[in-house]
């Protein structure tokens, strides 16, 4: 019998430490925000460190946070070594911003907001990625044009309050029928709320269309 030298099955496929760190960090941050385009840039290592041999899988240790600049550790068990890595993370995503200067008390409509792509890791305040979430909300303070809108700057404009007598509107083809009802909860523009039909006593669900009006045929 002849014994032939066999390369360890545990040996890592040829790849640099920095490449492995980049791949693993990108996976981590993509899980955190799958809707964003994630870019990780690892600070170059000295060639001797970057190509360091490891006969076991390299483990990348990092606890994700909000910082744009991050640090991680590449750890090998056989032979035992640890390399410290620095990197930057970018996560690009469309964010809702104002299309023009808006004054306090403005009820936001379709023409007041649009989407612009930002590296969201550089934004210091929470933001909206769906303009539809802002429609019908009221500005708590004035905002300049092209500014990211944060939740603290808006509040829901209640068009109906619980207990209000409202009109229940139902459209049947070209005809529109109205009846009175009692709102069972507060509602802002576009929200679905339960209403008791004052004539039949039945509960129906309708969408807030305007002040005191709920539509049960909302599309």
C-alpha atoms as a PDB file:
ATOM      1  CA  UNK A   1       0.000   0.000   0.000  1.00  0.00           C
ATOM      2  CA  UNK A   2       1.136   3.476  -0.765  1.00  0.00           C
ATOM      3  CA  UNK A   3       0.307   6.542   1.304  1.00  0.00           C
ATOM      4  CA  UNK A   4      -0.250   9.672  -0.754  1.00  0.00           C
ATOM      5  CA  UNK A   5      -0.188  13.141   0.768  1.00  0.00           C
ATOM      6  CA  UNK A   6      -3.773  14.405   1.010  1.00  0.00           C
ATOM      7  CA  UNK A   7      -4.652  18.045   1.532  1.00  0.00           C
ATOM      8  CA  UNK A   8      -6.833  18.575   4.593  1.00  0.00           C
ATOM      9  CA  UNK A   9     -10.529  18.489   3.733  1.00  0.00           C
ATOM     10  CA  UNK A  10     -11.015  21.328   6.224  1.00  0.00           C
ATOM     11  CA  UNK A  11      -8.679  23.665   4.393  1.00  0.00           C
ATOM     12  CA  UNK A  12     -10.390  26.829   3.277  1.00  0.00           C
ATOM     13  CA  UNK A  13     -10.887  27.467  -0.419  1.00  0.00           C
ATOM     14  CA  UNK A  14      -8.381  30.068  -1.637  1.00  0.00           C
ATOM     15  CA  UNK A  15      -9.782  33.430  -0.507  1.00  0.00           C
ATOM     16  CA  UNK A  16      -8.363  36.358   1.375  1.00  0.00           C
ATOM     17  CA  UNK A  17      -9.331  37.213   4.942  1.00  0.00           C
ATOM     18  CA  UNK A  18     -10.711  40.578   3.824  1.00  0.00           C
ATOM     19  CA  UNK A  19     -12.872  38.947   1.127  1.00  0.00           C
ATOM     20  CA  UNK A  20     -14.361  36.559   3.659  1.00  0.00           C
ATOM     21  CA  UNK A  21     -15.008  39.428   6.066  1.00  0.00           C
ATOM     22  CA  UNK A  22     -16.719  41.449   3.344  1.00  0.00           C
ATOM     23  CA  UNK A  23     -18.969  38.543   2.338  1.00  0.00           C
ATOM     24  CA  UNK A  24     -19.984  37.722   5.900  1.00  0.00           C
ATOM     25  CA  UNK A  25     -20.574  41.340   6.923  1.00  0.00           C
ATOM     26  CA  UNK A  26     -22.700  41.986   3.832  1.00  0.00           C
ATOM     27  CA  UNK A  27     -24.850  38.963   4.709  1.00  0.00           C
ATOM     28  CA  UNK A  28     -25.295  40.225   8.274  1.00  0.00           C
ATOM     29  CA  UNK A  29     -26.412  43.679   7.224  1.00  0.00           C
ATOM     30  CA  UNK A  30     -28.639  42.414   4.398  1.00  0.00           C
ATOM     31  CA  UNK A  31     -30.580  40.428   6.990  1.00  0.00           C
ATOM     32  CA  UNK A  32     -31.032  43.586   9.089  1.00  0.00           C
ATOM     33  CA  UNK A  33     -32.341  45.616   6.133  1.00  0.00           C
ATOM     34  CA  UNK A  34     -33.165  43.353   3.162  1.00  0.00           C
ATOM     35  CA  UNK A  35     -34.765  46.236   1.209  1.00  0.00           C
ATOM     36  CA  UNK A  36     -31.529  48.245   1.063  1.00  0.00           C
ATOM     37  CA  UNK A  37     -28.586  47.903  -1.320  1.00  0.00           C
ATOM     38  CA  UNK A  38     -25.781  47.003   1.098  1.00  0.00           C
ATOM     39  CA  UNK A  39     -22.143  47.845   0.382  1.00  0.00           C
ATOM     40  CA  UNK A  40     -19.332  46.830   2.742  1.00  0.00           C
ATOM     41  CA  UNK A  41     -15.840  48.204   2.172  1.00  0.00           C
ATOM     42  CA  UNK A  42     -13.108  46.488   4.198  1.00  0.00           C
ATOM     43  CA  UNK A  43      -9.959  48.473   4.941  1.00  0.00           C
ATOM     44  CA  UNK A  44      -7.047  46.750   3.119  1.00  0.00           C
ATOM     45  CA  UNK A  45      -4.860  44.453   5.225  1.00  0.00           C
ATOM     46  CA  UNK A  46      -1.152  43.824   4.832  1.00  0.00           C
ATOM     47  CA  UNK A  47      -0.672  40.999   2.303  1.00  0.00           C
ATOM     48  CA  UNK A  48       0.845  38.669   4.917  1.00  0.00           C
ATOM     49  CA  UNK A  49      -2.237  39.048   7.086  1.00  0.00           C
ATOM     50  CA  UNK A  50      -4.757  38.973   4.243  1.00  0.00           C
ATOM     51  CA  UNK A  51      -3.399  35.686   2.875  1.00  0.00           C
ATOM     52  CA  UNK A  52      -2.789  34.066   6.246  1.00  0.00           C
ATOM     53  CA  UNK A  53      -3.328  30.321   6.208  1.00  0.00           C
ATOM     54  CA  UNK A  54      -6.202  28.767   8.104  1.00  0.00           C
ATOM     55  CA  UNK A  55      -6.959  25.019   8.112  1.00  0.00           C
ATOM     56  CA  UNK A  56     -10.377  25.503   9.653  1.00  0.00           C
ATOM     57  CA  UNK A  57     -13.272  27.793   8.656  1.00  0.00           C
ATOM     58  CA  UNK A  58     -12.530  31.423   9.449  1.00  0.00           C
ATOM     59  CA  UNK A  59     -15.104  32.944  11.821  1.00  0.00           C
ATOM     60  CA  UNK A  60     -16.020  36.610  11.450  1.00  0.00           C
ATOM     61  CA  UNK A  61     -17.128  38.074  14.791  1.00  0.00           C
ATOM     62  CA  UNK A  62     -19.087  41.328  14.684  1.00  0.00           C
ATOM     63  CA  UNK A  63     -22.071  42.813  16.504  1.00  0.00           C
ATOM     64  CA  UNK A  64     -24.056  45.008  14.079  1.00  0.00           C
ATOM     65  CA  UNK A  65     -24.943  48.524  15.210  1.00  0.00           C
ATOM     66  CA  UNK A  66     -26.004  51.829  13.690  1.00  0.00           C
ATOM     67  CA  UNK A  67     -22.489  53.187  13.053  1.00  0.00           C
ATOM     68  CA  UNK A  68     -21.222  53.729   9.531  1.00  0.00           C
ATOM     69  CA  UNK A  69     -17.692  52.686  10.507  1.00  0.00           C
ATOM     70  CA  UNK A  70     -17.421  49.231  12.057  1.00  0.00           C
ATOM     71  CA  UNK A  71     -14.830  46.813  13.403  1.00  0.00           C
ATOM     72  CA  UNK A  72     -14.781  43.010  13.365  1.00  0.00           C
ATOM     73  CA  UNK A  73     -12.501  40.086  14.199  1.00  0.00           C
ATOM     74  CA  UNK A  74     -11.436  37.265  11.879  1.00  0.00           C
ATOM     75  CA  UNK A  75     -10.686  34.209  14.015  1.00  0.00           C
ATOM     76  CA  UNK A  76      -8.964  30.960  12.996  1.00  0.00           C
ATOM     77  CA  UNK A  77      -8.773  27.895  15.266  1.00  0.00           C
ATOM     78  CA  UNK A  78      -6.063  25.914  13.392  1.00  0.00           C
ATOM     79  CA  UNK A  79      -3.545  27.464  13.615  1.00  0.00           C
ATOM     80  CA  UNK A  80      -4.898  29.857  16.231  1.00  0.00           C
ATOM     81  CA  UNK A  81      -4.848  33.513  15.240  1.00  0.00           C
ATOM     82  CA  UNK A  82      -7.055  36.630  15.324  1.00  0.00           C
ATOM     83  CA  UNK A  83      -6.981  39.550  12.912  1.00  0.00           C
ATOM     84  CA  UNK A  84      -8.781  42.816  13.623  1.00  0.00           C
ATOM     85  CA  UNK A  85     -10.634  44.333  10.683  1.00  0.00           C
ATOM     86  CA  UNK A  86     -12.029  47.812  10.013  1.00  0.00           C
ATOM     87  CA  UNK A  87     -14.755  48.471   7.460  1.00  0.00           C
ATOM     88  CA  UNK A  88     -17.491  50.887   6.403  1.00  0.00           C
ATOM     89  CA  UNK A  89     -21.110  49.939   5.729  1.00  0.00           C
ATOM     90  CA  UNK A  90     -23.486  51.702   3.337  1.00  0.00           C
ATOM     91  CA  UNK A  91     -27.167  50.837   2.954  1.00  0.00           C
ATOM     92  CA  UNK A  92     -28.815  52.671   0.086  1.00  0.00           C
ATOM     93  CA  UNK A  93     -32.596  52.907   0.056  1.00  0.00           C
ATOM     94  CA  UNK A  94     -35.373  55.235  -1.242  1.00  0.00           C
ATOM     95  CA  UNK A  95     -36.568  57.554   1.544  1.00  0.00           C
ATOM     96  CA  UNK A  96     -39.554  59.939   1.620  1.00  0.00           C
ATOM     97  CA  UNK A  97     -38.642  63.649   1.487  1.00  0.00           C
ATOM     98  CA  UNK A  98     -40.552  66.900   0.988  1.00  0.00           C
ATOM     99  CA  UNK A  99     -41.069  68.093  -2.590  1.00  0.00           C
ATOM    100  CA  UNK A 100     -41.356  71.758  -1.491  1.00  0.00           C
ATOM    101  CA  UNK A 101     -41.296  73.931   1.621  1.00  0.00           C
ATOM    102  CA  UNK A 102     -44.307  73.072   3.788  1.00  0.00           C
ATOM    103  CA  UNK A 103     -45.786  75.027   6.677  1.00  0.00           C
ATOM    104  CA  UNK A 104     -46.901  73.780  10.070  1.00  0.00           C
ATOM    105  CA  UNK A 105     -50.407  72.298   9.934  1.00  0.00           C
ATOM    106  CA  UNK A 106     -50.132  71.134   6.304  1.00  0.00           C
ATOM    107  CA  UNK A 107     -52.033  67.915   5.605  1.00  0.00           C
ATOM    108  CA  UNK A 108     -49.665  65.925   3.406  1.00  0.00           C
ATOM    109  CA  UNK A 109     -50.858  64.867  -0.032  1.00  0.00           C
ATOM    110  CA  UNK A 110     -49.372  62.946  -2.976  1.00  0.00           C
ATOM    111  CA  UNK A 111     -47.653  66.027  -4.420  1.00  0.00           C
ATOM    112  CA  UNK A 112     -45.946  66.963  -1.147  1.00  0.00           C
ATOM    113  CA  UNK A 113     -43.588  63.974  -0.879  1.00  0.00           C
ATOM    114  CA  UNK A 114     -41.366  61.902  -3.149  1.00  0.00           C
ATOM    115  CA  UNK A 115     -38.659  59.269  -2.836  1.00  0.00           C
ATOM    116  CA  UNK A 116     -34.935  59.905  -3.013  1.00  0.00           C
ATOM    117  CA  UNK A 117     -32.184  57.319  -2.442  1.00  0.00           C
ATOM    118  CA  UNK A 118     -29.963  57.837   0.609  1.00  0.00           C
ATOM    119  CA  UNK A 119     -27.320  55.899   2.497  1.00  0.00           C
ATOM    120  CA  UNK A 120     -29.671  55.369   5.440  1.00  0.00           C
ATOM    121  CA  UNK A 121     -26.841  54.543   7.827  1.00  0.00           C
ATOM    122  CA  UNK A 122     -25.852  58.210   7.658  1.00  0.00           C
ATOM    123  CA  UNK A 123     -29.342  59.417   8.592  1.00  0.00           C
ATOM    124  CA  UNK A 124     -29.547  60.382  12.249  1.00  0.00           C
ATOM    125  CA  UNK A 125     -33.360  60.248  12.594  1.00  0.00           C
ATOM    126  CA  UNK A 126     -35.999  57.617  11.745  1.00  0.00           C
ATOM    127  CA  UNK A 127     -37.497  57.924   8.252  1.00  0.00           C
ATOM    128  CA  UNK A 128     -40.309  56.690   6.001  1.00  0.00           C
ATOM    129  CA  UNK A 129     -39.701  54.429   2.984  1.00  0.00           C
ATOM    130  CA  UNK A 130     -43.356  54.379   1.893  1.00  0.00           C
ATOM    131  CA  UNK A 131     -44.850  57.794   0.946  1.00  0.00           C
ATOM    132  CA  UNK A 132     -48.319  56.293   1.393  1.00  0.00           C
ATOM    133  CA  UNK A 133     -47.734  56.212   5.164  1.00  0.00           C
ATOM    134  CA  UNK A 134     -47.490  60.014   5.142  1.00  0.00           C
ATOM    135  CA  UNK A 135     -50.592  60.884   3.122  1.00  0.00           C
ATOM    136  CA  UNK A 136     -53.196  62.497   5.354  1.00  0.00           C
ATOM    137  CA  UNK A 137     -50.781  63.229   8.189  1.00  0.00           C
ATOM    138  CA  UNK A 138     -50.388  66.727   9.599  1.00  0.00           C
ATOM    139  CA  UNK A 139     -47.064  68.536   9.956  1.00  0.00           C
ATOM    140  CA  UNK A 140     -46.251  69.499  13.544  1.00  0.00           C
ATOM    141  CA  UNK A 141     -43.711  72.084  12.365  1.00  0.00           C
ATOM    142  CA  UNK A 142     -42.603  73.759   9.139  1.00  0.00           C
ATOM    143  CA  UNK A 143     -40.205  71.828   6.890  1.00  0.00           C
ATOM    144  CA  UNK A 144     -37.972  73.061   4.069  1.00  0.00           C
ATOM    145  CA  UNK A 145     -37.906  71.491   0.611  1.00  0.00           C
ATOM    146  CA  UNK A 146     -36.005  68.227   0.003  1.00  0.00           C
ATOM    147  CA  UNK A 147     -35.853  67.316   3.696  1.00  0.00           C
ATOM    148  CA  UNK A 148     -36.188  63.775   5.040  1.00  0.00           C
ATOM    149  CA  UNK A 149     -39.459  63.478   6.957  1.00  0.00           C
ATOM    150  CA  UNK A 150     -39.190  61.786  10.349  1.00  0.00           C
ATOM    151  CA  UNK A 151     -42.061  60.399  12.463  1.00  0.00           C
ATOM    152  CA  UNK A 152     -41.508  63.110  15.092  1.00  0.00           C
ATOM    153  CA  UNK A 153     -42.397  65.804  12.531  1.00  0.00           C
ATOM    154  CA  UNK A 154     -45.875  64.497  11.688  1.00  0.00           C
ATOM    155  CA  UNK A 155     -49.000  63.338  13.452  1.00  0.00           C
ATOM    156  CA  UNK A 156     -52.192  61.721  12.319  1.00  0.00           C
ATOM    157  CA  UNK A 157     -54.894  64.234  11.414  1.00  0.00           C
ATOM    158  CA  UNK A 158     -58.042  62.767  12.926  1.00  0.00           C
ATOM    159  CA  UNK A 159     -61.024  63.388  10.659  1.00  0.00           C
ATOM    160  CA  UNK A 160     -63.312  61.216  12.773  1.00  0.00           C
ATOM    161  CA  UNK A 161     -63.353  60.564  16.498  1.00  0.00           C
ATOM    162  CA  UNK A 162     -64.869  57.625  18.349  1.00  0.00           C
ATOM    163  CA  UNK A 163     -68.565  58.327  19.027  1.00  0.00           C
ATOM    164  CA  UNK A 164     -68.959  60.807  16.146  1.00  0.00           C
ATOM    165  CA  UNK A 165     -72.090  60.531  14.031  1.00  0.00           C
ATOM    166  CA  UNK A 166     -70.817  60.040  10.487  1.00  0.00           C
ATOM    167  CA  UNK A 167     -72.113  59.469   6.994  1.00  0.00           C
ATOM    168  CA  UNK A 168     -71.631  55.942   5.647  1.00  0.00           C
ATOM    169  CA  UNK A 169     -71.240  56.238   1.883  1.00  0.00           C
ATOM    170  CA  UNK A 170     -71.828  53.298  -0.443  1.00  0.00           C
ATOM    171  CA  UNK A 171     -71.467  53.503  -4.204  1.00  0.00           C
ATOM    172  CA  UNK A 172     -73.516  51.184  -6.399  1.00  0.00           C
ATOM    173  CA  UNK A 173     -72.579  51.842 -10.006  1.00  0.00           C
ATOM    174  CA  UNK A 174     -73.397  55.473 -10.803  1.00  0.00           C
ATOM    175  CA  UNK A 175     -75.515  55.793  -7.648  1.00  0.00           C
ATOM    176  CA  UNK A 176     -74.258  56.890  -4.257  1.00  0.00           C
ATOM    177  CA  UNK A 177     -76.184  56.026  -1.094  1.00  0.00           C
ATOM    178  CA  UNK A 178     -75.630  57.712   2.261  1.00  0.00           C
ATOM    179  CA  UNK A 179     -76.788  56.648   5.700  1.00  0.00           C
ATOM    180  CA  UNK A 180     -75.823  57.708   9.199  1.00  0.00           C
ATOM    181  CA  UNK A 181     -73.667  55.706  11.578  1.00  0.00           C
ATOM    182  CA  UNK A 182     -71.641  55.991  14.773  1.00  0.00           C
ATOM    183  CA  UNK A 183     -67.845  55.676  14.629  1.00  0.00           C
ATOM    184  CA  UNK A 184     -66.416  53.002  16.924  1.00  0.00           C
ATOM    185  CA  UNK A 185     -62.861  54.364  16.877  1.00  0.00           C
ATOM    186  CA  UNK A 186     -60.802  57.372  15.819  1.00  0.00           C
ATOM    187  CA  UNK A 187     -59.830  57.557  12.155  1.00  0.00           C
ATOM    188  CA  UNK A 188     -57.525  59.551   9.906  1.00  0.00           C
ATOM    189  CA  UNK A 189     -57.626  59.834   6.110  1.00  0.00           C
ATOM    190  CA  UNK A 190     -57.559  56.430   4.398  1.00  0.00           C
ATOM    191  CA  UNK A 191     -57.800  54.396   7.610  1.00  0.00           C
ATOM    192  CA  UNK A 192     -60.367  51.612   7.910  1.00  0.00           C
ATOM    193  CA  UNK A 193     -62.589  51.898  10.982  1.00  0.00           C
ATOM    194  CA  UNK A 194     -65.667  50.091  12.332  1.00  0.00           C
ATOM    195  CA  UNK A 195     -68.977  51.987  12.231  1.00  0.00           C
ATOM    196  CA  UNK A 196     -72.417  51.011  13.566  1.00  0.00           C
ATOM    197  CA  UNK A 197     -75.208  51.624  11.041  1.00  0.00           C
ATOM    198  CA  UNK A 198     -77.698  53.663  13.080  1.00  0.00           C
ATOM    199  CA  UNK A 199     -80.662  52.305  11.127  1.00  0.00           C
ATOM    200  CA  UNK A 200     -79.877  48.569  11.086  1.00  0.00           C
ATOM    201  CA  UNK A 201     -77.633  48.362  14.157  1.00  0.00           C
ATOM    202  CA  UNK A 202     -75.093  46.354  12.138  1.00  0.00           C
ATOM    203  CA  UNK A 203     -71.349  46.958  12.286  1.00  0.00           C
ATOM    204  CA  UNK A 204     -69.649  47.775   8.984  1.00  0.00           C
ATOM    205  CA  UNK A 205     -66.048  48.615   8.136  1.00  0.00           C
ATOM    206  CA  UNK A 206     -65.314  51.630   6.004  1.00  0.00           C
ATOM    207  CA  UNK A 207     -62.421  53.855   4.952  1.00  0.00           C
ATOM    208  CA  UNK A 208     -62.235  57.446   6.165  1.00  0.00           C
ATOM    209  CA  UNK A 209     -62.819  59.552   3.051  1.00  0.00           C
ATOM    210  CA  UNK A 210     -63.134  63.042   4.527  1.00  0.00           C
ATOM    211  CA  UNK A 211     -64.323  64.868   7.642  1.00  0.00           C
ATOM    212  CA  UNK A 212     -67.268  62.812   8.967  1.00  0.00           C
ATOM    213  CA  UNK A 213     -67.517  60.559   5.902  1.00  0.00           C
ATOM    214  CA  UNK A 214     -66.727  56.830   5.710  1.00  0.00           C
ATOM    215  CA  UNK A 215     -66.806  54.899   2.434  1.00  0.00           C
ATOM    216  CA  UNK A 216     -67.673  51.196   2.377  1.00  0.00           C
ATOM    217  CA  UNK A 217     -66.841  50.955  -1.319  1.00  0.00           C
ATOM    218  CA  UNK A 218     -63.245  52.221  -1.135  1.00  0.00           C
ATOM    219  CA  UNK A 219     -60.886  51.024  -3.912  1.00  0.00           C
END
